[in-house]
């Protein structure tokens, strides 16, 4: 999918703001060499650099990388596929926030991370976990079915694993999982009852590819109304996020 980097920064800043305490979990040591996988527009990459690391940020989206390079010209950024990458010089740590659930080739990603780490190096990340935006996905697919877009309703856009599933997968690639947590984190949406539509347009646009604008407008409004009882609290709207956070070490 094509990313709107400006919309991402303006209306979905929670993605990197919630990631700030994942940077704390990374526990950067000055002089460490760190790779930020799925860095988006580079805000957390900058925080890692500010703590004294030699950091590079990569993302699959050229739009995101262009924005990151514009915002933080002193940092190294590159377009790269998280499912298959290689660096000649190994890293002390690989970091990722809110990106791994987009990666189709999970085994390729884990092997690439493992191969890029020094012995004893750490893989520190947060991603969507099992049940993430489950209500939003269910409402979207129900409305797609209602309007006759049955093929669109079968799309599987993300990979949201359970803790046990993901820890086992990491272990199968040679990692020792030293910390893992799967937790609820209701996440505020901006612009009131427009927040659901804007979230879908930012992250779930694939569901509506090829659908006429008039249909799309009515469908997004109906999805919003389905979600209102669960998402709206005194005028503020929240998405039903569930996150998976872990530290895994290359032995």
Foldseek 3Di string as FASTA:
>chain_A
DAFDLVLCVPFVVVQVVVCPVLVVVVVADAAFEEEEEQCFQPPVVVVNVVNHYQYEYEHQHPNRQVNNCVVCVVHHYDYDQLLADADPAAGLEYEYTAPQFQHPNNLSNLLRNLVRHDAFHKYWYKYFAPPFLVLLLVLLLVLCVVVPVNVLSPDDRTDHYHQVVVCVSNVVSQWDWPDKDKFKDWAWGPDFLCRSVSVCVRRVCSSCPPPDPVSSVVSSNSSSVSCCVPADDPRIGTGTTIMMITMIGRD
